[in-house]
């Protein structure tokens, strides 16, 4: 579970980031510029990372731990085509 704290220009998320809870949080935030401070996120699930990687304009991620930033960046990349070097096909 995670905790939410108001920050000067956004929201700070603390603890474990789970997709369903994150989706609920984002639905409650008003439109406009919203910064999500991820500095105290300790763990996340696939669903939460997918949501963060596809946030609409107006949301900005700040202070993301390196491991989380890399995971989000990986979500942005398109999947490699089948048969590309380094991609293994399932039998």
PDB file of N, CA and C in Angstrom:
ATOM      1  N   UNK A   1       0.838  -1.179   0.000  1.00  0.00           N
ATOM      2  CA  UNK A   1       0.000   0.000   0.000  1.00  0.00           C
ATOM      3  C   UNK A   1       0.883   1.242   0.000  1.00  0.00           C
ATOM      4  N   UNK A   2       0.338   2.320  -0.535  1.00  0.00           N
ATOM      5  CA  UNK A   2       1.120   3.538  -0.511  1.00  0.00           C
ATOM      6  C   UNK A   2       0.373   4.647   0.211  1.00  0.00           C
ATOM      7  N   UNK A   3       1.128   5.663   0.584  1.00  0.00           N
ATOM      8  CA  UNK A   3       0.568   6.827   1.259  1.00  0.00           C
ATOM      9  C   UNK A   3       0.765   8.018   0.334  1.00  0.00           C
ATOM     10  N   UNK A   4      -0.136   8.961   0.399  1.00  0.00           N
ATOM     11  CA  UNK A   4      -0.067  10.149  -0.442  1.00  0.00           C
ATOM     12  C   UNK A   4       0.073  11.367   0.458  1.00  0.00           C
ATOM     13  N   UNK A   5       1.035  12.223   0.127  1.00  0.00           N
ATOM     14  CA  UNK A   5       1.201  13.469   0.858  1.00  0.00           C
ATOM     15  C   UNK A   5       1.131  14.610  -0.131  1.00  0.00           C
ATOM     16  N   UNK A   6       0.526  15.689   0.265  1.00  0.00           N
ATOM     17  CA  UNK A   6       0.526  16.887  -0.572  1.00  0.00           C
ATOM     18  C   UNK A   6       1.921  17.475  -0.604  1.00  0.00           C
ATOM     19  N   UNK A   7       2.361  17.874  -1.755  1.00  0.00           N
ATOM     20  CA  UNK A   7       3.651  18.523  -1.927  1.00  0.00           C
ATOM     21  C   UNK A   7       3.357  19.936  -2.438  1.00  0.00           C
ATOM     22  N   UNK A   8       4.330  20.844  -2.407  1.00  0.00           N
ATOM     23  CA  UNK A   8       4.049  22.223  -2.809  1.00  0.00           C
ATOM     24  C   UNK A   8       3.363  22.360  -4.172  1.00  0.00           C
ATOM     25  N   UNK A   9       3.775  21.583  -5.143  1.00  0.00           N
ATOM     26  CA  UNK A   9       3.175  21.701  -6.478  1.00  0.00           C
ATOM     27  C   UNK A   9       2.727  20.350  -7.012  1.00  0.00           C
ATOM     28  N   UNK A  10       2.308  19.470  -6.143  1.00  0.00           N
ATOM     29  CA  UNK A  10       1.890  18.168  -6.632  1.00  0.00           C
ATOM     30  C   UNK A  10       1.599  17.205  -5.503  1.00  0.00           C
ATOM     31  N   UNK A  11       1.904  15.944  -5.762  1.00  0.00           N
ATOM     32  CA  UNK A  11       1.603  14.864  -4.825  1.00  0.00           C
ATOM     33  C   UNK A  11       2.846  13.996  -4.672  1.00  0.00           C
ATOM     34  N   UNK A  12       3.169  13.646  -3.436  1.00  0.00           N
ATOM     35  CA  UNK A  12       4.273  12.730  -3.189  1.00  0.00           C
ATOM     36  C   UNK A  12       3.685  11.378  -2.839  1.00  0.00           C
ATOM     37  N   UNK A  13       4.170  10.340  -3.510  1.00  0.00           N
ATOM     38  CA  UNK A  13       3.708   8.981  -3.279  1.00  0.00           C
ATOM     39  C   UNK A  13       4.785   8.253  -2.475  1.00  0.00           C
ATOM     40  N   UNK A  14       4.355   7.624  -1.393  1.00  0.00           N
ATOM     41  CA  UNK A  14       5.290   6.966  -0.483  1.00  0.00           C
ATOM     42  C   UNK A  14       4.900   5.504  -0.331  1.00  0.00           C
ATOM     43  N   UNK A  15       5.878   4.595  -0.507  1.00  0.00           N
ATOM     44  CA  UNK A  15       5.644   3.174  -0.253  1.00  0.00           C
ATOM     45  C   UNK A  15       5.528   2.349  -1.513  1.00  0.00           C
ATOM     46  N   UNK A  16       4.639   1.381  -1.488  1.00  0.00           N
ATOM     47  CA  UNK A  16       4.444   0.439  -2.592  1.00  0.00           C
ATOM     48  C   UNK A  16       3.402   0.990  -3.558  1.00  0.00           C
ATOM     49  N   UNK A  17       3.737   0.973  -4.820  1.00  0.00           N
ATOM     50  CA  UNK A  17       2.865   1.534  -5.847  1.00  0.00           C
ATOM     51  C   UNK A  17       2.194   0.403  -6.602  1.00  0.00           C
ATOM     52  N   UNK A  18       0.883   0.311  -6.465  1.00  0.00           N
ATOM     53  CA  UNK A  18       0.098  -0.739  -7.120  1.00  0.00           C
ATOM     54  C   UNK A  18      -0.828  -0.102  -8.146  1.00  0.00           C
ATOM     55  N   UNK A  19      -1.005  -0.761  -9.275  1.00  0.00           N
ATOM     56  CA  UNK A  19      -1.755  -0.210 -10.392  1.00  0.00           C
ATOM     57  C   UNK A  19      -3.160   0.255 -10.079  1.00  0.00           C
ATOM     58  N   UNK A  20      -3.945  -0.571  -9.404  1.00  0.00           N
ATOM     59  CA  UNK A  20      -5.342  -0.215  -9.128  1.00  0.00           C
ATOM     60  C   UNK A  20      -5.421   1.027  -8.245  1.00  0.00           C
ATOM     61  N   UNK A  21      -4.565   1.112  -7.237  1.00  0.00           N
ATOM     62  CA  UNK A  21      -4.567   2.277  -6.352  1.00  0.00           C
ATOM     63  C   UNK A  21      -4.107   3.528  -7.091  1.00  0.00           C
ATOM     64  N   UNK A  22      -3.099   3.379  -7.943  1.00  0.00           N
ATOM     65  CA  UNK A  22      -2.598   4.517  -8.713  1.00  0.00           C
ATOM     66  C   UNK A  22      -3.675   5.028  -9.664  1.00  0.00           C
ATOM     67  N   UNK A  23      -4.366   4.142 -10.308  1.00  0.00           N
ATOM     68  CA  UNK A  23      -5.435   4.530 -11.229  1.00  0.00           C
ATOM     69  C   UNK A  23      -6.502   5.338 -10.488  1.00  0.00           C
ATOM     70  N   UNK A  24      -6.876   4.893  -9.288  1.00  0.00           N
ATOM     71  CA  UNK A  24      -7.859   5.621  -8.478  1.00  0.00           C
ATOM     72  C   UNK A  24      -7.349   7.010  -8.113  1.00  0.00           C
ATOM     73  N   UNK A  25      -6.074   7.109  -7.737  1.00  0.00           N
ATOM     74  CA  UNK A  25      -5.479   8.398  -7.383  1.00  0.00           C
ATOM     75  C   UNK A  25      -5.535   9.358  -8.565  1.00  0.00           C
ATOM     76  N   UNK A  26      -5.127   8.888  -9.729  1.00  0.00           N
ATOM     77  CA  UNK A  26      -5.077   9.754 -10.901  1.00  0.00           C
ATOM     78  C   UNK A  26      -6.469  10.238 -11.297  1.00  0.00           C
ATOM     79  N   UNK A  27      -7.474   9.408 -11.089  1.00  0.00           N
ATOM     80  CA  UNK A  27      -8.843   9.805 -11.401  1.00  0.00           C
ATOM     81  C   UNK A  27      -9.339  10.913 -10.478  1.00  0.00           C
ATOM     82  N   UNK A  28      -8.816  10.972  -9.257  1.00  0.00           N
ATOM     83  CA  UNK A  28      -9.265  11.993  -8.314  1.00  0.00           C
ATOM     84  C   UNK A  28      -8.528  13.314  -8.467  1.00  0.00           C
ATOM     85  N   UNK A  29      -7.382  13.306  -9.120  1.00  0.00           N
ATOM     86  CA  UNK A  29      -6.612  14.542  -9.280  1.00  0.00           C
ATOM     87  C   UNK A  29      -7.294  15.440 -10.310  1.00  0.00           C
ATOM     88  N   UNK A  30      -7.294  16.706 -10.014  1.00  0.00           N
ATOM     89  CA  UNK A  30      -7.904  17.654 -10.944  1.00  0.00           C
ATOM     90  C   UNK A  30      -7.023  17.812 -12.176  1.00  0.00           C
ATOM     91  N   UNK A  31      -7.630  18.301 -13.232  1.00  0.00           N
ATOM     92  CA  UNK A  31      -6.875  18.536 -14.460  1.00  0.00           C
ATOM     93  C   UNK A  31      -5.920  19.698 -14.242  1.00  0.00           C
ATOM     94  N   UNK A  32      -4.924  19.788 -15.069  1.00  0.00           N
ATOM     95  CA  UNK A  32      -3.909  20.824 -14.949  1.00  0.00           C
ATOM     96  C   UNK A  32      -2.552  20.197 -14.712  1.00  0.00           C
ATOM     97  N   UNK A  33      -1.585  21.022 -14.378  1.00  0.00           N
ATOM     98  CA  UNK A  33      -0.239  20.527 -14.121  1.00  0.00           C
ATOM     99  C   UNK A  33      -0.200  19.811 -12.772  1.00  0.00           C
ATOM    100  N   UNK A  34       0.139  18.545 -12.788  1.00  0.00           N
ATOM    101  CA  UNK A  34       0.257  17.770 -11.556  1.00  0.00           C
ATOM    102  C   UNK A  34       1.611  17.080 -11.569  1.00  0.00           C
ATOM    103  N   UNK A  35       2.407  17.342 -10.534  1.00  0.00           N
ATOM    104  CA  UNK A  35       3.690  16.663 -10.399  1.00  0.00           C
ATOM    105  C   UNK A  35       3.512  15.513  -9.420  1.00  0.00           C
ATOM    106  N   UNK A  36       4.021  14.356  -9.830  1.00  0.00           N
ATOM    107  CA  UNK A  36       4.025  13.190  -8.949  1.00  0.00           C
ATOM    108  C   UNK A  36       5.464  12.974  -8.479  1.00  0.00           C
ATOM    109  N   UNK A  37       5.699  13.192  -7.200  1.00  0.00           N
ATOM    110  CA  UNK A  37       7.016  12.998  -6.610  1.00  0.00           C
ATOM    111  C   UNK A  37       7.125  11.527  -6.213  1.00  0.00           C
ATOM    112  N   UNK A  38       8.018  10.812  -6.878  1.00  0.00           N
ATOM    113  CA  UNK A  38       8.166   9.371  -6.661  1.00  0.00           C
ATOM    114  C   UNK A  38       9.388   9.029  -5.812  1.00  0.00           C
ATOM    115  N   UNK A  39       9.976  10.020  -5.152  1.00  0.00           N
ATOM    116  CA  UNK A  39      11.235   9.819  -4.425  1.00  0.00           C
ATOM    117  C   UNK A  39      11.153   8.762  -3.330  1.00  0.00           C
ATOM    118  N   UNK A  40       9.978   8.517  -2.788  1.00  0.00           N
ATOM    119  CA  UNK A  40       9.867   7.559  -1.690  1.00  0.00           C
ATOM    120  C   UNK A  40       9.104   6.293  -2.070  1.00  0.00           C
ATOM    121  N   UNK A  41       9.014   6.015  -3.358  1.00  0.00           N
ATOM    122  CA  UNK A  41       8.413   4.760  -3.807  1.00  0.00           C
ATOM    123  C   UNK A  41       9.450   3.660  -3.585  1.00  0.00           C
ATOM    124  N   UNK A  42       9.071   2.623  -2.891  1.00  0.00           N
ATOM    125  CA  UNK A  42       9.991   1.527  -2.563  1.00  0.00           C
ATOM    126  C   UNK A  42       9.791   0.308  -3.451  1.00  0.00           C
ATOM    127  N   UNK A  43       8.589   0.121  -3.981  1.00  0.00           N
ATOM    128  CA  UNK A  43       8.322  -0.976  -4.893  1.00  0.00           C
ATOM    129  C   UNK A  43       7.124  -0.600  -5.759  1.00  0.00           C
ATOM    130  N   UNK A  44       7.000  -1.277  -6.895  1.00  0.00           N
ATOM    131  CA  UNK A  44       5.896  -1.020  -7.817  1.00  0.00           C
ATOM    132  C   UNK A  44       5.560  -2.312  -8.540  1.00  0.00           C
ATOM    133  N   UNK A  45       4.346  -2.384  -9.061  1.00  0.00           N
ATOM    134  CA  UNK A  45       3.989  -3.554  -9.860  1.00  0.00           C
ATOM    135  C   UNK A  45       3.925  -3.161 -11.338  1.00  0.00           C
ATOM    136  N   UNK A  46       3.819  -4.173 -12.201  1.00  0.00           N
ATOM    137  CA  UNK A  46       3.806  -3.948 -13.651  1.00  0.00           C
ATOM    138  C   UNK A  46       2.704  -2.991 -14.072  1.00  0.00           C
ATOM    139  N   UNK A  47       1.551  -3.141 -13.482  1.00  0.00           N
ATOM    140  CA  UNK A  47       0.403  -2.318 -13.835  1.00  0.00           C
ATOM    141  C   UNK A  47       0.656  -0.840 -13.519  1.00  0.00           C
ATOM    142  N   UNK A  48       1.225  -0.565 -12.359  1.00  0.00           N
ATOM    143  CA  UNK A  48       1.522   0.818 -11.971  1.00  0.00           C
ATOM    144  C   UNK A  48       2.553   1.443 -12.914  1.00  0.00           C
ATOM    145  N   UNK A  49       3.574   0.686 -13.262  1.00  0.00           N
ATOM    146  CA  UNK A  49       4.604   1.198 -14.162  1.00  0.00           C
ATOM    147  C   UNK A  49       4.011   1.481 -15.542  1.00  0.00           C
ATOM    148  N   UNK A  50       3.145   0.613 -16.022  1.00  0.00           N
ATOM    149  CA  UNK A  50       2.489   0.846 -17.319  1.00  0.00           C
ATOM    150  C   UNK A  50       1.656   2.122 -17.277  1.00  0.00           C
ATOM    151  N   UNK A  51       0.967   2.365 -16.173  1.00  0.00           N
ATOM    152  CA  UNK A  51       0.173   3.590 -16.027  1.00  0.00           C
ATOM    153  C   UNK A  51       1.080   4.813 -16.026  1.00  0.00           C
ATOM    154  N   UNK A  52       2.167   4.763 -15.266  1.00  0.00           N
ATOM    155  CA  UNK A  52       3.100   5.894 -15.210  1.00  0.00           C
ATOM    156  C   UNK A  52       3.716   6.188 -16.571  1.00  0.00           C
ATOM    157  N   UNK A  53       4.004   5.141 -17.329  1.00  0.00           N
ATOM    158  CA  UNK A  53       4.629   5.321 -18.642  1.00  0.00           C
ATOM    159  C   UNK A  53       3.672   5.954 -19.645  1.00  0.00           C
ATOM    160  N   UNK A  54       2.387   5.885 -19.388  1.00  0.00           N
ATOM    161  CA  UNK A  54       1.394   6.392 -20.345  1.00  0.00           C
ATOM    162  C   UNK A  54       0.547   7.526 -19.779  1.00  0.00           C
ATOM    163  N   UNK A  55       1.111   8.261 -18.837  1.00  0.00           N
ATOM    164  CA  UNK A  55       0.365   9.371 -18.251  1.00  0.00           C
ATOM    165  C   UNK A  55       0.037  10.418 -19.313  1.00  0.00           C
ATOM    166  N   UNK A  56      -1.144  11.003 -19.232  1.00  0.00           N
ATOM    167  CA  UNK A  56      -1.500  12.042 -20.202  1.00  0.00           C
ATOM    168  C   UNK A  56      -0.719  13.326 -19.952  1.00  0.00           C
ATOM    169  N   UNK A  57      -0.753  14.219 -20.928  1.00  0.00           N
ATOM    170  CA  UNK A  57      -0.111  15.524 -20.778  1.00  0.00           C
ATOM    171  C   UNK A  57      -0.684  16.188 -19.532  1.00  0.00           C
ATOM    172  N   UNK A  58       0.135  16.929 -18.847  1.00  0.00           N
ATOM    173  CA  UNK A  58      -0.308  17.588 -17.625  1.00  0.00           C
ATOM    174  C   UNK A  58       0.251  16.925 -16.379  1.00  0.00           C
ATOM    175  N   UNK A  59       0.669  15.668 -16.497  1.00  0.00           N
ATOM    176  CA  UNK A  59       1.300  14.974 -15.379  1.00  0.00           C
ATOM    177  C   UNK A  59       2.806  14.969 -15.608  1.00  0.00           C
ATOM    178  N   UNK A  60       3.549  15.185 -14.543  1.00  0.00           N
ATOM    179  CA  UNK A  60       5.006  15.171 -14.639  1.00  0.00           C
ATOM    180  C   UNK A  60       5.563  14.356 -13.487  1.00  0.00           C
ATOM    181  N   UNK A  61       6.456  13.437 -13.805  1.00  0.00           N
ATOM    182  CA  UNK A  61       7.100  12.614 -12.785  1.00  0.00           C
ATOM    183  C   UNK A  61       8.386  13.293 -12.346  1.00  0.00           C
ATOM    184  N   UNK A  62       8.600  13.396 -11.036  1.00  0.00           N
ATOM    185  CA  UNK A  62       9.827  14.002 -10.517  1.00  0.00           C
ATOM    186  C   UNK A  62      10.423  13.108  -9.433  1.00  0.00           C
ATOM    187  N   UNK A  63      11.723  13.226  -9.270  1.00  0.00           N
ATOM    188  CA  UNK A  63      12.459  12.532  -8.206  1.00  0.00           C
ATOM    189  C   UNK A  63      12.228  11.026  -8.193  1.00  0.00           C
ATOM    190  N   UNK A  64      12.146  10.439  -9.351  1.00  0.00           N
ATOM    191  CA  UNK A  64      11.926   9.002  -9.453  1.00  0.00           C
ATOM    192  C   UNK A  64      13.210   8.251  -9.112  1.00  0.00           C
ATOM    193  N   UNK A  65      13.122   7.195  -8.292  1.00  0.00           N
ATOM    194  CA  UNK A  65      14.313   6.370  -8.054  1.00  0.00           C
ATOM    195  C   UNK A  65      14.831   5.818  -9.395  1.00  0.00           C
ATOM    196  N   UNK A  66      16.110   5.630  -9.487  1.00  0.00           N
ATOM    197  CA  UNK A  66      16.736   5.184 -10.744  1.00  0.00           C
ATOM    198  C   UNK A  66      16.099   3.902 -11.276  1.00  0.00           C
ATOM    199  N   UNK A  67      15.864   2.926 -10.418  1.00  0.00           N
ATOM    200  CA  UNK A  67      15.297   1.642 -10.861  1.00  0.00           C
ATOM    201  C   UNK A  67      13.911   1.848 -11.474  1.00  0.00           C
ATOM    202  N   UNK A  68      13.125   2.768 -10.891  1.00  0.00           N
ATOM    203  CA  UNK A  68      11.783   3.020 -11.400  1.00  0.00           C
ATOM    204  C   UNK A  68      11.830   3.808 -12.706  1.00  0.00           C
ATOM    205  N   UNK A  69      12.726   4.786 -12.789  1.00  0.00           N
ATOM    206  CA  UNK A  69      12.873   5.564 -14.026  1.00  0.00           C
ATOM    207  C   UNK A  69      13.266   4.659 -15.194  1.00  0.00           C
ATOM    208  N   UNK A  70      14.189   3.719 -14.948  1.00  0.00           N
ATOM    209  CA  UNK A  70      14.600   2.791 -16.003  1.00  0.00           C
ATOM    210  C   UNK A  70      13.458   1.876 -16.430  1.00  0.00           C
ATOM    211  N   UNK A  71      12.674   1.434 -15.470  1.00  0.00           N
ATOM    212  CA  UNK A  71      11.538   0.559 -15.770  1.00  0.00           C
ATOM    213  C   UNK A  71      10.485   1.304 -16.594  1.00  0.00           C
ATOM    214  N   UNK A  72      10.213   2.546 -16.218  1.00  0.00           N
ATOM    215  CA  UNK A  72       9.255   3.367 -16.970  1.00  0.00           C
ATOM    216  C   UNK A  72       9.773   3.613 -18.380  1.00  0.00           C
ATOM    217  N   UNK A  73      11.054   3.929 -18.507  1.00  0.00           N
ATOM    218  CA  UNK A  73      11.663   4.149 -19.820  1.00  0.00           C
ATOM    219  C   UNK A  73      11.544   2.900 -20.697  1.00  0.00           C
ATOM    220  N   UNK A  74      11.728   1.748 -20.107  1.00  0.00           N
ATOM    221  CA  UNK A  74      11.608   0.488 -20.842  1.00  0.00           C
ATOM    222  C   UNK A  74      10.182   0.315 -21.375  1.00  0.00           C
ATOM    223  N   UNK A  75       9.187   0.752 -20.617  1.00  0.00           N
ATOM    224  CA  UNK A  75       7.788   0.678 -21.054  1.00  0.00           C
ATOM    225  C   UNK A  75       7.529   1.576 -22.263  1.00  0.00           C
ATOM    226  N   UNK A  76       8.272   2.672 -22.381  1.00  0.00           N
ATOM    227  CA  UNK A  76       8.088   3.604 -23.497  1.00  0.00           C
ATOM    228  C   UNK A  76       8.560   3.011 -24.808  1.00  0.00           C
ATOM    229  N   UNK A  77       9.561   2.166 -24.740  1.00  0.00           N
ATOM    230  CA  UNK A  77      10.144   1.601 -25.970  1.00  0.00           C
ATOM    231  C   UNK A  77       9.176   0.634 -26.628  1.00  0.00           C
ATOM    232  N   UNK A  78       9.094   0.695 -27.974  1.00  0.00           N
ATOM    233  CA  UNK A  78       8.252  -0.291 -28.659  1.00  0.00           C
ATOM    234  C   UNK A  78       8.893  -1.673 -28.559  1.00  0.00           C
ATOM    235  N   UNK A  79       8.097  -2.725 -28.566  1.00  0.00           N
ATOM    236  CA  UNK A  79       8.676  -4.071 -28.502  1.00  0.00           C
ATOM    237  C   UNK A  79       9.491  -4.372 -29.755  1.00  0.00           C
ATOM    238  N   UNK A  80      10.541  -5.145 -29.588  1.00  0.00           N
ATOM    239  CA  UNK A  80      11.371  -5.539 -30.728  1.00  0.00           C
ATOM    240  C   UNK A  80      10.575  -6.487 -31.618  1.00  0.00           C
ATOM    241  N   UNK A  81      10.753  -6.377 -32.928  1.00  0.00           N
ATOM    242  CA  UNK A  81      10.023  -7.280 -33.830  1.00  0.00           C
ATOM    243  C   UNK A  81      10.502  -8.722 -33.661  1.00  0.00           C
ATOM    244  N   UNK A  82       9.612  -9.657 -33.932  1.00  0.00           N
ATOM    245  CA  UNK A  82       9.971 -11.079 -33.852  1.00  0.00           C
ATOM    246  C   UNK A  82      11.120 -11.364 -34.802  1.00  0.00           C
ATOM    247  N   UNK A  83      12.076 -12.110 -34.343  1.00  0.00           N
ATOM    248  CA  UNK A  83      13.214 -12.476 -35.181  1.00  0.00           C
ATOM    249  C   UNK A  83      14.355 -11.473 -35.112  1.00  0.00           C
ATOM    250  N   UNK A  84      14.183 -10.375 -34.388  1.00  0.00           N
ATOM    251  CA  UNK A  84      15.260  -9.386 -34.253  1.00  0.00           C
ATOM    252  C   UNK A  84      16.374  -9.978 -33.405  1.00  0.00           C
ATOM    253  N   UNK A  85      17.627  -9.534 -33.614  1.00  0.00           N
ATOM    254  CA  UNK A  85      18.729 -10.060 -32.822  1.00  0.00           C
ATOM    255  C   UNK A  85      18.441  -9.910 -31.325  1.00  0.00           C
ATOM    256  N   UNK A  86      18.723 -10.925 -30.578  1.00  0.00           N
ATOM    257  CA  UNK A  86      18.515 -10.908 -29.154  1.00  0.00           C
ATOM    258  C   UNK A  86      17.112 -11.265 -28.727  1.00  0.00           C
ATOM    259  N   UNK A  87      16.248 -11.497 -29.684  1.00  0.00           N
ATOM    260  CA  UNK A  87      14.865 -11.870 -29.355  1.00  0.00           C
ATOM    261  C   UNK A  87      14.705 -13.356 -29.615  1.00  0.00           C
ATOM    262  N   UNK A  88      14.259 -14.071 -28.620  1.00  0.00           N
ATOM    263  CA  UNK A  88      14.102 -15.511 -28.747  1.00  0.00           C
ATOM    264  C   UNK A  88      12.645 -15.848 -29.038  1.00  0.00           C
ATOM    265  N   UNK A  89      12.445 -16.666 -30.029  1.00  0.00           N
ATOM    266  CA  UNK A  89      11.082 -17.111 -30.339  1.00  0.00           C
ATOM    267  C   UNK A  89      10.719 -18.309 -29.502  1.00  0.00           C
ATOM    268  N   UNK A  90       9.469 -18.343 -29.091  1.00  0.00           N
ATOM    269  CA  UNK A  90       8.986 -19.502 -28.349  1.00  0.00           C
ATOM    270  C   UNK A  90       8.647 -20.603 -29.339  1.00  0.00           C
ATOM    271  N   UNK A  91       8.956 -21.864 -29.021  1.00  0.00           N
ATOM    272  CA  UNK A  91       8.633 -22.959 -29.942  1.00  0.00           C
ATOM    273  C   UNK A  91       7.148 -23.226 -30.037  1.00  0.00           C
TER     274      UNK A  91
END
